[in-house]
Amino acid sequence: MSPAFIKGVTNCFPKAHLTFDKFHIMKIINEAVDEVRRQEQKERPELAKTRYIWLKNKNNLKQAQIEICEKLQVKKLN
């Protein structure tokens, strides 16, 4: 998925179709989520030890994790 790889493929194989696998896409997304969490944790210490709550599927959260998630959610102003 690097620009150098894409350029090399398009130059050498102009008729080829590029595809990106789900594993590498999810890896990049998870790294981005973790980076944002780390940045926000500096200002909000209550985010400490919540990494896996944000990466986990909401349907698979345990009750204690659901409560932490609800506590951390930003309330909408009317």
PDB file of N, CA and C in Angstrom:
ATOM      1  N   MET A   1       0.817  -1.188   0.000  1.00  0.00           N
ATOM      2  CA  MET A   1       0.000   0.000   0.000  1.00  0.00           C
ATOM      3  C   MET A   1       0.864   1.257   0.000  1.00  0.00           C
ATOM      4  N   SER A   2       2.158   1.071  -0.041  1.00  0.00           N
ATOM      5  CA  SER A   2       3.035   2.241  -0.052  1.00  0.00           C
ATOM      6  C   SER A   2       2.991   2.915  -1.422  1.00  0.00           C
ATOM      7  N   PRO A   3       3.176   4.222  -1.468  1.00  0.00           N
ATOM      8  CA  PRO A   3       3.185   4.931  -2.750  1.00  0.00           C
ATOM      9  C   PRO A   3       4.235   4.385  -3.717  1.00  0.00           C
ATOM     10  N   ALA A   4       5.391   3.966  -3.202  1.00  0.00           N
ATOM     11  CA  ALA A   4       6.439   3.425  -4.067  1.00  0.00           C
ATOM     12  C   ALA A   4       5.976   2.121  -4.721  1.00  0.00           C
ATOM     13  N   PHE A   5       5.303   1.271  -3.947  1.00  0.00           N
ATOM     14  CA  PHE A   5       4.789   0.011  -4.492  1.00  0.00           C
ATOM     15  C   PHE A   5       3.727   0.276  -5.554  1.00  0.00           C
ATOM     16  N   ILE A   6       2.817   1.178  -5.261  1.00  0.00           N
ATOM     17  CA  ILE A   6       1.741   1.498  -6.213  1.00  0.00           C
ATOM     18  C   ILE A   6       2.325   2.046  -7.506  1.00  0.00           C
ATOM     19  N   LYS A   7       3.286   2.950  -7.387  1.00  0.00           N
ATOM     20  CA  LYS A   7       3.910   3.520  -8.580  1.00  0.00           C
ATOM     21  C   LYS A   7       4.634   2.435  -9.385  1.00  0.00           C
ATOM     22  N   GLY A   8       5.363   1.551  -8.700  1.00  0.00           N
ATOM     23  CA  GLY A   8       6.067   0.470  -9.381  1.00  0.00           C
ATOM     24  C   GLY A   8       5.131  -0.460 -10.116  1.00  0.00           C
ATOM     25  N   VAL A   9       4.032  -0.813  -9.483  1.00  0.00           N
ATOM     26  CA  VAL A   9       3.057  -1.706 -10.123  1.00  0.00           C
ATOM     27  C   VAL A   9       2.418  -1.030 -11.323  1.00  0.00           C
ATOM     28  N   THR A  10       2.011   0.223 -11.176  1.00  0.00           N
ATOM     29  CA  THR A  10       1.349   0.905 -12.292  1.00  0.00           C
ATOM     30  C   THR A  10       2.303   1.151 -13.458  1.00  0.00           C
ATOM     31  N   ASN A  11       3.584   1.368 -13.163  1.00  0.00           N
ATOM     32  CA  ASN A  11       4.559   1.561 -14.242  1.00  0.00           C
ATOM     33  C   ASN A  11       4.895   0.250 -14.953  1.00  0.00           C
ATOM     34  N   CYS A  12       5.086  -0.805 -14.189  1.00  0.00           N
ATOM     35  CA  CYS A  12       5.515  -2.083 -14.770  1.00  0.00           C
ATOM     36  C   CYS A  12       4.353  -2.940 -15.274  1.00  0.00           C
ATOM     37  N   PHE A  13       3.194  -2.784 -14.656  1.00  0.00           N
ATOM     38  CA  PHE A  13       2.024  -3.584 -15.022  1.00  0.00           C
ATOM     39  C   PHE A  13       0.814  -2.675 -15.205  1.00  0.00           C
ATOM     40  N   PRO A  14       0.787  -1.898 -16.288  1.00  0.00           N
ATOM     41  CA  PRO A  14      -0.261  -0.888 -16.445  1.00  0.00           C
ATOM     42  C   PRO A  14      -1.682  -1.455 -16.518  1.00  0.00           C
ATOM     43  N   LYS A  15      -1.842  -2.716 -16.884  1.00  0.00           N
ATOM     44  CA  LYS A  15      -3.186  -3.302 -16.997  1.00  0.00           C
ATOM     45  C   LYS A  15      -3.601  -4.049 -15.729  1.00  0.00           C
ATOM     46  N   ALA A  16      -2.731  -4.101 -14.751  1.00  0.00           N
ATOM     47  CA  ALA A  16      -3.034  -4.820 -13.509  1.00  0.00           C
ATOM     48  C   ALA A  16      -4.001  -4.017 -12.645  1.00  0.00           C
ATOM     49  N   HIS A  17      -4.831  -4.734 -11.907  1.00  0.00           N
ATOM     50  CA  HIS A  17      -5.755  -4.104 -10.953  1.00  0.00           C
ATOM     51  C   HIS A  17      -5.163  -4.246  -9.566  1.00  0.00           C
ATOM     52  N   LEU A  18      -5.021  -3.142  -8.866  1.00  0.00           N
ATOM     53  CA  LEU A  18      -4.500  -3.172  -7.499  1.00  0.00           C
ATOM     54  C   LEU A  18      -5.620  -3.486  -6.527  1.00  0.00           C
ATOM     55  N   THR A  19      -5.332  -4.363  -5.590  1.00  0.00           N
ATOM     56  CA  THR A  19      -6.271  -4.644  -4.505  1.00  0.00           C
ATOM     57  C   THR A  19      -5.504  -4.588  -3.193  1.00  0.00           C
ATOM     58  N   PHE A  20      -6.172  -4.228  -2.134  1.00  0.00           N
ATOM     59  CA  PHE A  20      -5.568  -4.155  -0.812  1.00  0.00           C
ATOM     60  C   PHE A  20      -6.324  -5.098   0.095  1.00  0.00           C
ATOM     61  N   ASP A  21      -5.587  -5.902   0.837  1.00  0.00           N
ATOM     62  CA  ASP A  21      -6.244  -6.892   1.683  1.00  0.00           C
ATOM     63  C   ASP A  21      -6.758  -6.263   2.979  1.00  0.00           C
ATOM     64  N   LYS A  22      -7.793  -6.888   3.507  1.00  0.00           N
ATOM     65  CA  LYS A  22      -8.470  -6.386   4.700  1.00  0.00           C
ATOM     66  C   LYS A  22      -7.519  -6.307   5.898  1.00  0.00           C
ATOM     67  N   PHE A  23      -6.621  -7.270   6.040  1.00  0.00           N
ATOM     68  CA  PHE A  23      -5.705  -7.291   7.180  1.00  0.00           C
ATOM     69  C   PHE A  23      -4.897  -6.002   7.262  1.00  0.00           C
ATOM     70  N   HIS A  24      -4.280  -5.600   6.154  1.00  0.00           N
ATOM     71  CA  HIS A  24      -3.424  -4.413   6.176  1.00  0.00           C
ATOM     72  C   HIS A  24      -4.227  -3.121   6.326  1.00  0.00           C
ATOM     73  N   ILE A  25      -5.404  -3.089   5.760  1.00  0.00           N
ATOM     74  CA  ILE A  25      -6.267  -1.913   5.911  1.00  0.00           C
ATOM     75  C   ILE A  25      -6.672  -1.760   7.377  1.00  0.00           C
ATOM     76  N   MET A  26      -7.086  -2.861   8.013  1.00  0.00           N
ATOM     77  CA  MET A  26      -7.492  -2.804   9.418  1.00  0.00           C
ATOM     78  C   MET A  26      -6.299  -2.473  10.315  1.00  0.00           C
ATOM     79  N   LYS A  27      -5.117  -2.933   9.949  1.00  0.00           N
ATOM     80  CA  LYS A  27      -3.907  -2.615  10.712  1.00  0.00           C
ATOM     81  C   LYS A  27      -3.666  -1.103  10.718  1.00  0.00           C
ATOM     82  N   ILE A  28      -3.802  -0.484   9.565  1.00  0.00           N
ATOM     83  CA  ILE A  28      -3.597   0.964   9.451  1.00  0.00           C
ATOM     84  C   ILE A  28      -4.671   1.724  10.240  1.00  0.00           C
ATOM     85  N   ILE A  29      -5.909   1.277  10.152  1.00  0.00           N
ATOM     86  CA  ILE A  29      -7.008   1.926  10.885  1.00  0.00           C
ATOM     87  C   ILE A  29      -6.788   1.804  12.390  1.00  0.00           C
ATOM     88  N   ASN A  30      -6.428   0.605  12.851  1.00  0.00           N
ATOM     89  CA  ASN A  30      -6.200   0.398  14.289  1.00  0.00           C
ATOM     90  C   ASN A  30      -5.033   1.235  14.799  1.00  0.00           C
ATOM     91  N   GLU A  31      -3.993   1.373  14.007  1.00  0.00           N
ATOM     92  CA  GLU A  31      -2.862   2.215  14.397  1.00  0.00           C
ATOM     93  C   GLU A  31      -3.289   3.681  14.507  1.00  0.00           C
ATOM     94  N   ALA A  32      -4.151   4.124  13.593  1.00  0.00           N
ATOM     95  CA  ALA A  32      -4.639   5.506  13.628  1.00  0.00           C
ATOM     96  C   ALA A  32      -5.509   5.743  14.862  1.00  0.00           C
ATOM     97  N   VAL A  33      -6.390   4.805  15.168  1.00  0.00           N
ATOM     98  CA  VAL A  33      -7.243   4.921  16.356  1.00  0.00           C
ATOM     99  C   VAL A  33      -6.377   4.978  17.609  1.00  0.00           C
ATOM    100  N   ASP A  34      -5.362   4.129  17.672  1.00  0.00           N
ATOM    101  CA  ASP A  34      -4.486   4.102  18.839  1.00  0.00           C
ATOM    102  C   ASP A  34      -3.704   5.405  18.973  1.00  0.00           C
ATOM    103  N   GLU A  35      -3.261   5.953  17.870  1.00  0.00           N
ATOM    104  CA  GLU A  35      -2.509   7.218  17.909  1.00  0.00           C
ATOM    105  C   GLU A  35      -3.391   8.357  18.431  1.00  0.00           C
ATOM    106  N   VAL A  36      -4.628   8.426  17.965  1.00  0.00           N
ATOM    107  CA  VAL A  36      -5.558   9.462  18.441  1.00  0.00           C
ATOM    108  C   VAL A  36      -5.830   9.269  19.925  1.00  0.00           C
ATOM    109  N   ARG A  37      -6.045   8.019  20.348  1.00  0.00           N
ATOM    110  CA  ARG A  37      -6.292   7.736  21.759  1.00  0.00           C
ATOM    111  C   ARG A  37      -5.113   8.188  22.612  1.00  0.00           C
ATOM    112  N   ARG A  38      -3.888   7.916  22.156  1.00  0.00           N
ATOM    113  CA  ARG A  38      -2.695   8.321  22.910  1.00  0.00           C
ATOM    114  C   ARG A  38      -2.608   9.847  23.029  1.00  0.00           C
ATOM    115  N   GLN A  39      -2.917  10.546  21.950  1.00  0.00           N
ATOM    116  CA  GLN A  39      -2.873  12.009  21.980  1.00  0.00           C
ATOM    117  C   GLN A  39      -3.913  12.565  22.951  1.00  0.00           C
ATOM    118  N   GLU A  40      -5.123  12.008  22.892  1.00  0.00           N
ATOM    119  CA  GLU A  40      -6.188  12.496  23.765  1.00  0.00           C
ATOM    120  C   GLU A  40      -5.949  12.106  25.220  1.00  0.00           C
ATOM    121  N   GLN A  41      -5.272  10.992  25.439  1.00  0.00           N
ATOM    122  CA  GLN A  41      -5.009  10.538  26.800  1.00  0.00           C
ATOM    123  C   GLN A  41      -4.126  11.518  27.558  1.00  0.00           C
ATOM    124  N   LYS A  42      -3.308  12.272  26.848  1.00  0.00           N
ATOM    125  CA  LYS A  42      -2.450  13.267  27.493  1.00  0.00           C
ATOM    126  C   LYS A  42      -3.297  14.344  28.172  1.00  0.00           C
ATOM    127  N   GLU A  43      -4.430  14.682  27.566  1.00  0.00           N
ATOM    128  CA  GLU A  43      -5.319  15.705  28.117  1.00  0.00           C
ATOM    129  C   GLU A  43      -6.409  15.109  28.996  1.00  0.00           C
ATOM    130  N   ARG A  44      -6.728  13.830  28.759  1.00  0.00           N
ATOM    131  CA  ARG A  44      -7.808  13.168  29.501  1.00  0.00           C
ATOM    132  C   ARG A  44      -7.302  11.865  30.106  1.00  0.00           C
ATOM    133  N   PRO A  45      -6.764  11.911  31.306  1.00  0.00           N
ATOM    134  CA  PRO A  45      -6.177  10.716  31.924  1.00  0.00           C
ATOM    135  C   PRO A  45      -7.175   9.581  32.133  1.00  0.00           C
ATOM    136  N   GLU A  46      -8.466   9.879  32.131  1.00  0.00           N
ATOM    137  CA  GLU A  46      -9.465   8.812  32.316  1.00  0.00           C
ATOM    138  C   GLU A  46      -9.487   7.837  31.131  1.00  0.00           C
ATOM    139  N   LEU A  47      -8.811   8.197  30.050  1.00  0.00           N
ATOM    140  CA  LEU A  47      -8.720   7.302  28.890  1.00  0.00           C
ATOM    141  C   LEU A  47      -7.646   6.227  29.066  1.00  0.00           C
ATOM    142  N   ALA A  48      -6.874   6.320  30.133  1.00  0.00           N
ATOM    143  CA  ALA A  48      -5.826   5.323  30.374  1.00  0.00           C
ATOM    144  C   ALA A  48      -6.436   3.931  30.477  1.00  0.00           C
ATOM    145  N   LYS A  49      -5.781   2.961  29.904  1.00  0.00           N
ATOM    146  CA  LYS A  49      -6.178   1.548  29.933  1.00  0.00           C
ATOM    147  C   LYS A  49      -7.515   1.296  29.233  1.00  0.00           C
ATOM    148  N   THR A  50      -7.847   2.092  28.219  1.00  0.00           N
ATOM    149  CA  THR A  50      -9.085   1.870  27.462  1.00  0.00           C
ATOM    150  C   THR A  50      -8.810   1.456  26.019  1.00  0.00           C
ATOM    151  N   ARG A  51      -7.566   1.164  25.695  1.00  0.00           N
ATOM    152  CA  ARG A  51      -7.179   0.868  24.307  1.00  0.00           C
ATOM    153  C   ARG A  51      -8.065  -0.204  23.681  1.00  0.00           C
ATOM    154  N   TYR A  52      -8.225  -1.322  24.336  1.00  0.00           N
ATOM    155  CA  TYR A  52      -8.936  -2.442  23.721  1.00  0.00           C
ATOM    156  C   TYR A  52     -10.445  -2.230  23.676  1.00  0.00           C
ATOM    157  N   ILE A  53     -10.950  -1.346  24.512  1.00  0.00           N
ATOM    158  CA  ILE A  53     -12.384  -1.034  24.430  1.00  0.00           C
ATOM    159  C   ILE A  53     -12.697  -0.381  23.088  1.00  0.00           C
ATOM    160  N   TRP A  54     -11.795   0.497  22.620  1.00  0.00           N
ATOM    161  CA  TRP A  54     -12.032   1.208  21.363  1.00  0.00           C
ATOM    162  C   TRP A  54     -11.800   0.315  20.148  1.00  0.00           C
ATOM    163  N   LEU A  55     -10.960  -0.693  20.291  1.00  0.00           N
ATOM    164  CA  LEU A  55     -10.646  -1.565  19.157  1.00  0.00           C
ATOM    165  C   LEU A  55     -11.599  -2.752  19.054  1.00  0.00           C
ATOM    166  N   LYS A  56     -12.283  -3.057  20.123  1.00  0.00           N
ATOM    167  CA  LYS A  56     -13.146  -4.227  20.179  1.00  0.00           C
ATOM    168  C   LYS A  56     -14.504  -3.941  19.521  1.00  0.00           C
ATOM    169  N   ASN A  57     -15.085  -4.969  18.937  1.00  0.00           N
ATOM    170  CA  ASN A  57     -16.428  -4.865  18.374  1.00  0.00           C
ATOM    171  C   ASN A  57     -17.401  -4.569  19.517  1.00  0.00           C
ATOM    172  N   LYS A  58     -18.263  -3.577  19.335  1.00  0.00           N
ATOM    173  CA  LYS A  58     -19.193  -3.181  20.409  1.00  0.00           C
ATOM    174  C   LYS A  58     -20.066  -4.342  20.869  1.00  0.00           C
ATOM    175  N   ASN A  59     -20.395  -5.254  19.974  1.00  0.00           N
ATOM    176  CA  ASN A  59     -21.238  -6.396  20.337  1.00  0.00           C
ATOM    177  C   ASN A  59     -20.515  -7.377  21.255  1.00  0.00           C
ATOM    178  N   ASN A  60     -19.188  -7.300  21.316  1.00  0.00           N
ATOM    179  CA  ASN A  60     -18.406  -8.230  22.130  1.00  0.00           C
ATOM    180  C   ASN A  60     -17.899  -7.625  23.433  1.00  0.00           C
ATOM    181  N   LEU A  61     -18.322  -6.406  23.743  1.00  0.00           N
ATOM    182  CA  LEU A  61     -17.877  -5.767  24.979  1.00  0.00           C
ATOM    183  C   LEU A  61     -18.536  -6.419  26.192  1.00  0.00           C
ATOM    184  N   LYS A  62     -17.779  -6.541  27.267  1.00  0.00           N
ATOM    185  CA  LYS A  62     -18.324  -7.022  28.533  1.00  0.00           C
ATOM    186  C   LYS A  62     -19.071  -5.875  29.196  1.00  0.00           C
ATOM    187  N   GLN A  63     -19.907  -6.205  30.173  1.00  0.00           N
ATOM    188  CA  GLN A  63     -20.739  -5.187  30.819  1.00  0.00           C
ATOM    189  C   GLN A  63     -19.887  -4.075  31.419  1.00  0.00           C
ATOM    190  N   ALA A  64     -18.776  -4.410  32.055  1.00  0.00           N
ATOM    191  CA  ALA A  64     -17.908  -3.393  32.655  1.00  0.00           C
ATOM    192  C   ALA A  64     -17.318  -2.482  31.582  1.00  0.00           C
ATOM    193  N   GLN A  65     -16.986  -3.042  30.428  1.00  0.00           N
ATOM    194  CA  GLN A  65     -16.444  -2.246  29.329  1.00  0.00           C
ATOM    195  C   GLN A  65     -17.510  -1.333  28.740  1.00  0.00           C
ATOM    196  N   ILE A  66     -18.735  -1.811  28.675  1.00  0.00           N
ATOM    197  CA  ILE A  66     -19.849  -0.987  28.180  1.00  0.00           C
ATOM    198  C   ILE A  66     -20.043   0.214  29.096  1.00  0.00           C
ATOM    199  N   GLU A  67     -19.978  -0.021  30.404  1.00  0.00           N
ATOM    200  CA  GLU A  67     -20.151   1.068  31.371  1.00  0.00           C
ATOM    201  C   GLU A  67     -19.031   2.101  31.249  1.00  0.00           C
ATOM    202  N   ILE A  68     -17.802   1.647  31.054  1.00  0.00           N
ATOM    203  CA  ILE A  68     -16.685   2.578  30.866  1.00  0.00           C
ATOM    204  C   ILE A  68     -16.892   3.393  29.601  1.00  0.00           C
ATOM    205  N   CYS A  69     -17.312   2.730  28.539  1.00  0.00           N
ATOM    206  CA  CYS A  69     -17.542   3.399  27.257  1.00  0.00           C
ATOM    207  C   CYS A  69     -18.638   4.454  27.391  1.00  0.00           C
ATOM    208  N   GLU A  70     -19.730   4.112  28.062  1.00  0.00           N
ATOM    209  CA  GLU A  70     -20.822   5.067  28.260  1.00  0.00           C
ATOM    210  C   GLU A  70     -20.382   6.254  29.111  1.00  0.00           C
ATOM    211  N   LYS A  71     -19.554   5.984  30.111  1.00  0.00           N
ATOM    212  CA  LYS A  71     -19.049   7.050  30.976  1.00  0.00           C
ATOM    213  C   LYS A  71     -18.162   8.030  30.210  1.00  0.00           C
ATOM    214  N   LEU A  72     -17.423   7.519  29.220  1.00  0.00           N
ATOM    215  CA  LEU A  72     -16.483   8.348  28.471  1.00  0.00           C
ATOM    216  C   LEU A  72     -17.108   9.058  27.290  1.00  0.00           C
ATOM    217  N   GLN A  73     -18.298   8.657  26.889  1.00  0.00           N
ATOM    218  CA  GLN A  73     -18.922   9.272  25.720  1.00  0.00           C
ATOM    219  C   GLN A  73     -19.232  10.740  25.969  1.00  0.00           C
ATOM    220  N   VAL A  74     -19.067  11.514  24.919  1.00  0.00           N
ATOM    221  CA  VAL A  74     -19.386  12.941  24.973  1.00  0.00           C
ATOM    222  C   VAL A  74     -20.891  13.088  24.876  1.00  0.00           C
ATOM    223  N   LYS A  75     -21.454  13.838  25.784  1.00  0.00           N
ATOM    224  CA  LYS A  75     -22.899  14.080  25.776  1.00  0.00           C
ATOM    225  C   LYS A  75     -23.211  15.175  24.764  1.00  0.00           C
ATOM    226  N   LYS A  76     -24.258  14.953  23.966  1.00  0.00           N
ATOM    227  CA  LYS A  76     -24.669  15.939  22.981  1.00  0.00           C
ATOM    228  C   LYS A  76     -25.410  17.070  23.670  1.00  0.00           C
ATOM    229  N   LEU A  77     -25.117  18.282  23.237  1.00  0.00           N
ATOM    230  CA  LEU A  77     -25.812  19.446  23.764  1.00  0.00           C
ATOM    231  C   LEU A  77     -27.008  19.757  22.883  1.00  0.00           C
ATOM    232  N   ASN A  78     -28.122  20.084  23.481  1.00  0.00           N
ATOM    233  CA  ASN A  78     -29.332  20.422  22.718  1.00  0.00           C
ATOM    234  C   ASN A  78     -29.428  21.888  22.483  1.00  0.00           C
TER     235      ASN A  78
END
